[in-house]
Amino acid sequence: MIRYRAHALALLALWALAVLLTGSVWGIFYPLIFHDHLHPVLWGALAVGAVAAAYPAKRLAALVPQVWRPAAAALLVAIGGTVGLVFAGDAQRNLAIEQFGPDRWVQQSLFRSLRSAPREYQFALHAVMLKDCMAYGWSYRSLSPYKIPERAVANVVPPDWIAPGTRCGPAAN
């Protein structure tokens, strides 16, 4: 009986962690639902982080009561995977933005993107860049910038970048 209780506690702990990271009760299923939204390099970073956390997780889990051991180990491995994913994603984005050489940019951590990305109406991009008055966003799927369609620019670019009378805005009256 203790085995079933321990496994149930592990699933509950993983679900709670997913809710904390994503802000959604469905967050535990995001890796299944949105599996094609990440570049394979980032899936590799997640796996490396999880594997790297496995040994310390096993040792640390031994310090808690037996019924909580699977939950503690699962949480530590999941946190290790998430940290690996976030560090690799942020590093890839920062390097690509530096190489792209935008005139202006705003970016947010992958942690923040985890909480906002799966929403139906998303006005906060992972990163927004302006280069030669053209707006670009950042894709974790391709690990590269992409051109933002003209009709969407006003919704996602900081208003002062395209305000009337500015270099990239319409002429001031």
Protein backbone atom coordinates (compact mmCIF):
# COMPACT_ATOMS: atom_id res chain seq x y z
CA MET A 1 0.00 0.00 0.00
CA ILE A 2 2.85 2.39 0.79
CA ARG A 3 4.17 1.96 -2.77
CA TYR A 4 0.90 3.22 -4.31
CA ARG A 5 0.75 6.12 -1.87
CA ALA A 6 4.36 7.03 -2.67
CA HIS A 7 3.71 7.00 -6.41
CA ALA A 8 0.53 9.04 -6.00
CA LEU A 9 2.48 11.59 -3.95
CA ALA A 10 5.16 11.73 -6.67
CA LEU A 11 2.55 12.44 -9.36
CA LEU A 12 0.90 15.05 -7.16
CA ALA A 13 4.27 16.71 -6.49
CA LEU A 14 5.10 16.80 -10.23
CA TRP A 15 1.68 18.24 -11.00
CA ALA A 16 2.15 20.95 -8.34
CA LEU A 17 5.59 21.81 -9.77
CA ALA A 18 4.12 22.04 -13.28
CA VAL A 19 1.40 24.39 -12.01
CA LEU A 20 4.03 26.58 -10.33
CA LEU A 21 6.18 26.72 -13.48
CA THR A 22 3.44 27.17 -16.07
CA GLY A 23 0.57 28.72 -14.14
CA SER A 24 -1.78 26.08 -15.56
CA VAL A 25 -3.31 22.91 -14.16
CA TRP A 26 -2.56 21.38 -17.59
CA GLY A 27 1.15 22.30 -17.35
CA ILE A 28 2.18 18.73 -16.57
CA PHE A 29 1.02 17.77 -20.07
CA TYR A 30 2.83 20.60 -21.94
CA PRO A 31 5.78 18.37 -22.93
CA LEU A 32 3.30 16.05 -24.65
CA ILE A 33 1.03 18.70 -26.13
CA PHE A 34 3.73 21.15 -27.25
CA HIS A 35 6.55 18.69 -27.98
CA ASP A 36 7.23 20.32 -31.35
CA HIS A 37 7.60 23.83 -29.89
CA LEU A 38 11.20 23.31 -28.78
CA HIS A 39 14.32 22.81 -30.84
CA PRO A 40 15.96 19.36 -30.33
CA VAL A 41 18.97 21.08 -28.75
CA LEU A 42 16.71 22.31 -25.95
CA TRP A 43 15.18 18.86 -25.44
CA GLY A 44 18.76 17.61 -25.10
CA ALA A 45 19.52 20.29 -22.50
CA LEU A 46 16.42 19.25 -20.57
CA ALA A 47 17.57 15.61 -20.62
CA VAL A 48 21.12 16.50 -19.58
CA GLY A 49 19.79 18.61 -16.68
CA ALA A 50 17.50 15.79 -15.56
CA VAL A 51 20.24 13.16 -15.74
CA ALA A 52 22.70 15.44 -13.95
CA ALA A 53 20.16 15.89 -11.14
CA ALA A 54 19.38 12.16 -10.85
CA TYR A 55 22.35 11.13 -8.68
CA PRO A 56 22.02 13.94 -6.13
CA ALA A 57 18.24 13.43 -6.20
CA LYS A 58 18.65 9.79 -5.22
CA ARG A 59 20.99 10.69 -2.37
CA LEU A 60 18.83 13.58 -1.12
CA ALA A 61 15.64 11.54 -1.39
CA ALA A 62 17.16 9.05 1.06
CA LEU A 63 16.97 11.79 3.70
CA VAL A 64 13.16 11.97 3.66
CA PRO A 65 10.60 9.41 4.89
CA GLN A 66 10.14 6.44 2.58
CA VAL A 67 6.67 7.45 1.41
CA TRP A 68 8.04 10.81 0.15
CA ARG A 69 11.18 9.45 -1.57
CA PRO A 70 9.72 9.01 -5.08
CA ALA A 71 8.17 12.49 -4.86
CA ALA A 72 11.43 14.09 -3.70
CA ALA A 73 13.48 12.33 -6.38
CA ALA A 74 10.97 13.15 -9.14
CA LEU A 75 10.85 16.81 -8.12
CA LEU A 76 14.61 17.17 -8.04
CA VAL A 77 15.01 15.49 -11.45
CA ALA A 78 12.23 17.65 -12.93
CA ILE A 79 13.80 20.80 -11.49
CA GLY A 80 17.21 19.77 -12.86
CA GLY A 81 15.71 19.24 -16.31
CA THR A 82 13.90 22.58 -16.18
CA VAL A 83 17.06 24.41 -15.10
CA GLY A 84 19.01 22.76 -17.94
CA LEU A 85 16.30 23.77 -20.42
CA VAL A 86 16.14 27.37 -19.20
CA PHE A 87 19.91 27.91 -19.09
CA ALA A 88 20.37 26.46 -22.58
CA GLY A 89 17.38 28.34 -24.00
CA ASP A 90 18.44 31.67 -22.55
CA ALA A 91 22.06 31.14 -23.65
CA GLN A 92 21.01 30.23 -27.21
CA ARG A 93 18.70 33.25 -27.40
CA ASN A 94 21.32 35.66 -26.03
CA LEU A 95 23.98 34.40 -28.45
CA ALA A 96 21.62 34.57 -31.44
CA ILE A 97 20.49 38.11 -30.57
CA GLU A 98 24.13 39.20 -30.27
CA GLN A 99 24.93 37.66 -33.67
CA PHE A 100 21.75 39.10 -35.25
CA GLY A 101 22.79 42.60 -34.15
CA PRO A 102 19.44 44.34 -33.66
CA ASP A 103 19.23 48.09 -33.07
CA ARG A 104 16.92 47.52 -30.09
CA TRP A 105 15.60 44.46 -28.31
CA VAL A 106 13.62 43.30 -25.30
CA GLN A 107 13.76 39.74 -24.06
CA GLN A 108 12.34 37.65 -21.26
CA SER A 109 13.60 34.51 -19.56
CA LEU A 110 12.40 31.14 -20.75
CA PHE A 111 10.91 30.72 -17.25
CA ARG A 112 8.55 33.60 -18.01
CA SER A 113 7.79 32.19 -21.44
CA LEU A 114 6.75 28.90 -19.83
CA ARG A 115 4.00 30.79 -18.03
CA SER A 116 2.73 32.76 -21.04
CA ALA A 117 3.47 30.83 -24.24
CA PRO A 118 0.56 28.39 -24.47
CA ARG A 119 -2.12 31.07 -24.14
CA GLU A 120 -4.52 31.53 -27.07
CA TYR A 121 -3.89 35.28 -27.33
CA GLN A 122 -0.22 35.96 -26.74
CA PHE A 123 1.06 39.51 -26.87
CA ALA A 124 4.30 38.89 -24.97
CA LEU A 125 6.97 37.34 -27.18
CA HIS A 126 10.08 35.51 -25.99
CA ALA A 127 12.11 38.36 -27.46
CA VAL A 128 11.30 41.31 -29.71
CA MET A 129 14.00 42.89 -31.85
CA LEU A 130 14.09 45.91 -34.14
CA LYS A 131 16.67 45.94 -36.91
CA ASP A 132 16.60 48.54 -39.69
CA CYS A 133 13.03 49.38 -38.61
CA MET A 134 11.88 45.78 -39.19
CA ALA A 135 10.42 43.90 -36.19
CA TYR A 136 11.55 40.37 -35.37
CA GLY A 137 10.53 37.85 -32.73
CA TRP A 138 12.41 34.89 -31.27
CA SER A 139 11.54 31.23 -31.85
CA TYR A 140 12.60 28.45 -29.48
CA ARG A 141 11.46 26.00 -32.15
CA SER A 142 14.04 27.15 -34.72
CA LEU A 143 16.42 28.93 -32.30
CA SER A 144 16.39 31.95 -34.59
CA PRO A 145 14.69 35.30 -35.15
CA TYR A 146 11.67 35.53 -37.44
CA LYS A 147 10.03 38.55 -39.09
CA ILE A 148 6.90 39.71 -37.30
CA PRO A 149 4.01 40.35 -39.73
CA GLU A 150 3.27 44.07 -40.23
CA ARG A 151 -0.29 43.72 -38.92
CA ALA A 152 1.02 42.40 -35.58
CA VAL A 153 3.92 44.79 -34.98
CA ALA A 154 1.89 47.39 -33.04
CA ASN A 155 0.66 44.64 -30.66
CA VAL A 156 4.06 43.28 -29.68
CA VAL A 157 6.68 46.01 -30.15
CA PRO A 158 7.17 48.57 -27.37
CA PRO A 159 5.18 51.67 -28.44
CA ASP A 160 8.13 54.05 -28.10
CA TRP A 161 10.00 52.14 -30.83
CA ILE A 162 7.39 52.97 -33.46
CA ALA A 163 5.85 56.16 -32.06
CA PRO A 164 5.15 59.06 -34.46
CA GLY A 165 8.25 61.15 -35.01
CA THR A 166 10.70 58.41 -34.06
CA ARG A 167 13.13 56.88 -36.55
CA CYS A 168 10.90 53.86 -37.16
CA GLY A 169 7.51 55.47 -36.59
CA PRO A 170 5.31 57.45 -38.95
CA ALA A 171 6.17 61.08 -39.61
CA ALA A 172 5.04 63.45 -36.88
CA ASN A 173 2.27 65.90 -37.81
